[in-house]
Amino acid sequence: MHPDKVNITIENTEDGLLINLDVAPEDKGRVIGKQGRTAEEIRALLRAKGTRQETKVRLQIL
């Protein structure tokens, strides 16, 4: 893994928050997980947090 190549940016859009997670190409599979499970779990946590703050939160893995 290359944790030094991870970059997170947060954009405030009309639809809510957009979180861009930029990782090294060779680490993208680990972040997404088998059949996208890890990415979906991260998205579920972000949606729950957004619900508490009454805003929509989206995750984009680059």
C-alpha atoms as a PDB file:
ATOM      1  CA  MET A   1       0.000   0.000   0.000  1.00  0.00           C
ATOM      2  CA  HIS A   2       1.000   3.590  -0.611  1.00  0.00           C
ATOM      3  CA  PRO A   3      -0.597   5.704   2.135  1.00  0.00           C
ATOM      4  CA  ASP A   4       1.524   8.694   1.110  1.00  0.00           C
ATOM      5  CA  LYS A   5      -0.302   8.787  -2.238  1.00  0.00           C
ATOM      6  CA  VAL A   6      -3.779   9.106  -0.684  1.00  0.00           C
ATOM      7  CA  ASN A   7      -5.402  12.474  -1.252  1.00  0.00           C
ATOM      8  CA  ILE A   8      -8.828  13.463   0.063  1.00  0.00           C
ATOM      9  CA  THR A   9     -10.663  16.557  -1.129  1.00  0.00           C
ATOM     10  CA  ILE A  10     -14.068  17.727   0.016  1.00  0.00           C
ATOM     11  CA  GLU A  11     -16.237  19.880  -2.219  1.00  0.00           C
ATOM     12  CA  ASN A  12     -19.397  21.648  -1.163  1.00  0.00           C
ATOM     13  CA  THR A  13     -21.838  21.296  -4.085  1.00  0.00           C
ATOM     14  CA  GLU A  14     -25.490  22.148  -4.618  1.00  0.00           C
ATOM     15  CA  ASP A  15     -26.368  18.502  -3.904  1.00  0.00           C
ATOM     16  CA  GLY A  16     -24.338  18.329  -0.670  1.00  0.00           C
ATOM     17  CA  LEU A  17     -20.788  17.215   0.057  1.00  0.00           C
ATOM     18  CA  LEU A  18     -18.660  15.405  -2.512  1.00  0.00           C
ATOM     19  CA  ILE A  19     -15.671  13.558  -1.080  1.00  0.00           C
ATOM     20  CA  ASN A  20     -13.013  12.647  -3.635  1.00  0.00           C
ATOM     21  CA  LEU A  21     -10.683   9.864  -2.534  1.00  0.00           C
ATOM     22  CA  ASP A  22      -7.636   9.708  -4.777  1.00  0.00           C
ATOM     23  CA  VAL A  23      -5.443   6.623  -4.281  1.00  0.00           C
ATOM     24  CA  ALA A  24      -2.566   5.000  -6.142  1.00  0.00           C
ATOM     25  CA  PRO A  25      -3.803   2.843  -9.059  1.00  0.00           C
ATOM     26  CA  GLU A  26      -2.391  -0.326  -7.491  1.00  0.00           C
ATOM     27  CA  ASP A  27      -4.310   0.371  -4.240  1.00  0.00           C
ATOM     28  CA  LYS A  28      -7.666   1.077  -5.876  1.00  0.00           C
ATOM     29  CA  GLY A  29      -8.697  -2.599  -5.699  1.00  0.00           C
ATOM     30  CA  ARG A  30      -8.072  -2.704  -1.955  1.00  0.00           C
ATOM     31  CA  VAL A  31     -10.137   0.417  -1.372  1.00  0.00           C
ATOM     32  CA  ILE A  32     -13.020  -0.829  -3.503  1.00  0.00           C
ATOM     33  CA  GLY A  33     -12.858  -4.376  -2.101  1.00  0.00           C
ATOM     34  CA  LYS A  34     -14.284  -7.608  -3.407  1.00  0.00           C
ATOM     35  CA  GLN A  35     -17.464  -6.918  -5.384  1.00  0.00           C
ATOM     36  CA  GLY A  36     -17.312  -3.306  -4.158  1.00  0.00           C
ATOM     37  CA  ARG A  37     -18.169  -4.221  -0.570  1.00  0.00           C
ATOM     38  CA  THR A  38     -15.586  -2.014   1.135  1.00  0.00           C
ATOM     39  CA  ALA A  39     -16.508   1.020  -0.955  1.00  0.00           C
ATOM     40  CA  GLU A  40     -20.209   0.453  -0.248  1.00  0.00           C
ATOM     41  CA  GLU A  41     -19.531   0.188   3.490  1.00  0.00           C
ATOM     42  CA  ILE A  42     -17.625   3.486   3.413  1.00  0.00           C
ATOM     43  CA  ARG A  43     -20.485   5.076   1.478  1.00  0.00           C
ATOM     44  CA  ALA A  44     -23.017   3.737   4.006  1.00  0.00           C
ATOM     45  CA  LEU A  45     -21.075   5.340   6.862  1.00  0.00           C
ATOM     46  CA  LEU A  46     -20.927   8.639   4.994  1.00  0.00           C
ATOM     47  CA  ARG A  47     -24.666   8.519   4.256  1.00  0.00           C
ATOM     48  CA  ALA A  48     -25.387   7.892   7.943  1.00  0.00           C
ATOM     49  CA  LYS A  49     -23.216  10.833   8.944  1.00  0.00           C
ATOM     50  CA  GLY A  50     -24.900  12.996   6.301  1.00  0.00           C
ATOM     51  CA  THR A  51     -28.341  12.008   7.568  1.00  0.00           C
ATOM     52  CA  ARG A  52     -27.435  13.195  11.059  1.00  0.00           C
ATOM     53  CA  GLN A  53     -26.277  16.529   9.637  1.00  0.00           C
ATOM     54  CA  GLU A  54     -29.195  16.684   7.173  1.00  0.00           C
ATOM     55  CA  THR A  55     -26.966  16.852   4.101  1.00  0.00           C
ATOM     56  CA  LYS A  56     -26.220  14.474   1.259  1.00  0.00           C
ATOM     57  CA  VAL A  57     -22.690  13.024   1.198  1.00  0.00           C
ATOM     58  CA  ARG A  58     -21.222  11.285  -1.856  1.00  0.00           C
ATOM     59  CA  LEU A  59     -17.912   9.430  -2.231  1.00  0.00           C
ATOM     60  CA  GLN A  60     -15.981   9.290  -5.478  1.00  0.00           C
ATOM     61  CA  ILE A  61     -12.930   7.011  -5.687  1.00  0.00           C
ATOM     62  CA  LEU A  62     -10.403   8.274  -8.210  1.00  0.00           C
END
